[in-house]
Amino acid sequence: MTERDDQDQVKDLGTQGQEDTVKGKFKEAAGKVQSKVGELTGNEKMKAKGDVKQMGGKAQSTLSKGEKKVDQALDPDAPSEPSV
């Protein structure tokens, strides 16, 4: 591996947590909307799918926050990313 490859890998690790947090938040919001539509239309299957999507998004977001904390612990000199 070259030094350039190492720098790219570090950059990818540093931004992955932030990307997963954003994706998780979007998935959570989409699940909330889908669940509400299912509730309003009386479609239990749609509501259940929305609930599952919402929980999955929340889990993804929570895990990525933990990932960011681990990354920061491993490299305390790295700049801190803004929270979403």
Protein backbone atom coordinates (compact mmCIF):
# COMPACT_ATOMS: atom_id res chain seq x y z
CA MET A 1 0.00 0.00 0.00
CA THR A 2 1.29 3.44 -0.84
CA GLU A 3 1.10 6.51 1.36
CA ARG A 4 -1.64 7.87 -0.92
CA ASP A 5 -3.72 4.72 -0.39
CA ASP A 6 -3.29 5.10 3.38
CA GLN A 7 -4.48 8.73 3.24
CA ASP A 8 -7.54 7.75 1.16
CA GLN A 9 -8.40 4.99 3.61
CA VAL A 10 -8.13 7.35 6.59
CA LYS A 11 -10.33 9.89 4.82
CA ASP A 12 -12.94 7.25 4.03
CA LEU A 13 -13.01 6.06 7.64
CA GLY A 14 -13.37 9.61 8.88
CA THR A 15 -16.39 10.43 6.73
CA GLN A 16 -18.16 7.06 6.78
CA GLY A 17 -19.72 7.63 10.20
CA GLN A 18 -21.10 11.00 9.13
CA GLU A 19 -22.53 9.53 5.92
CA ASP A 20 -24.18 6.68 7.83
CA THR A 21 -25.67 9.13 10.32
CA VAL A 22 -27.28 11.13 7.52
CA LYS A 23 -28.51 7.99 5.73
CA GLY A 24 -29.94 6.71 9.00
CA LYS A 25 -31.78 9.96 9.65
CA PHE A 26 -33.29 9.90 6.15
CA LYS A 27 -34.31 6.27 6.53
CA GLU A 28 -35.86 7.05 9.91
CA ALA A 29 -37.85 9.96 8.46
CA ALA A 30 -39.01 7.89 5.47
CA GLY A 31 -40.14 5.14 7.83
CA LYS A 32 -42.06 7.62 9.94
CA VAL A 33 -43.88 8.94 6.85
CA GLN A 34 -44.60 5.42 5.55
CA SER A 35 -45.90 4.36 8.96
CA LYS A 36 -48.18 7.39 9.22
CA VAL A 37 -49.56 6.85 5.70
CA GLY A 38 -50.24 3.21 6.57
CA GLU A 39 -51.99 4.29 9.76
CA LEU A 40 -54.14 6.90 8.00
CA THR A 41 -55.14 4.53 5.19
CA GLY A 42 -55.72 1.55 7.49
CA ASN A 43 -52.97 -0.42 5.74
CA GLU A 44 -51.38 -2.39 8.58
CA LYS A 45 -48.72 -3.94 6.35
CA MET A 46 -47.51 -0.50 5.19
CA LYS A 47 -47.54 0.77 8.76
CA ALA A 48 -45.48 -2.20 9.94
CA LYS A 49 -42.96 -1.75 7.10
CA GLY A 50 -42.66 1.93 8.02
CA ASP A 51 -42.10 1.08 11.67
CA VAL A 52 -39.34 -1.38 10.73
CA LYS A 53 -37.70 1.15 8.38
CA GLN A 54 -37.86 3.79 11.09
CA MET A 55 -36.20 1.49 13.65
CA GLY A 56 -33.54 0.48 11.11
CA GLY A 57 -32.73 4.12 10.40
CA LYS A 58 -32.50 4.92 14.09
CA ALA A 59 -30.16 1.94 14.63
CA GLN A 60 -27.98 2.95 11.67
CA SER A 61 -27.71 6.51 12.94
CA THR A 62 -26.92 5.39 16.49
CA LEU A 63 -24.26 2.91 15.38
CA SER A 64 -22.58 5.48 13.17
CA LYS A 65 -22.33 7.88 16.10
CA GLY A 66 -20.53 5.13 18.00
CA GLU A 67 -18.28 4.56 14.99
CA LYS A 68 -17.37 8.26 14.97
CA LYS A 69 -16.49 8.12 18.67
CA VAL A 70 -14.22 5.12 18.06
CA ASP A 71 -12.56 6.92 15.14
CA GLN A 72 -11.99 9.98 17.33
CA ALA A 73 -10.57 7.83 20.13
CA LEU A 74 -8.16 6.19 17.70
CA ASP A 75 -7.13 9.53 16.20
CA PRO A 76 -7.68 12.33 18.73
CA ASP A 77 -5.93 14.85 16.45
CA ALA A 78 -8.55 14.41 13.71
CA PRO A 79 -10.98 17.31 13.35
CA SER A 80 -14.34 16.77 14.97
CA GLU A 81 -17.30 16.58 12.60
CA PRO A 82 -20.48 18.56 13.25
CA SER A 83 -23.36 16.51 14.61
CA VAL A 84 -26.48 15.97 12.57
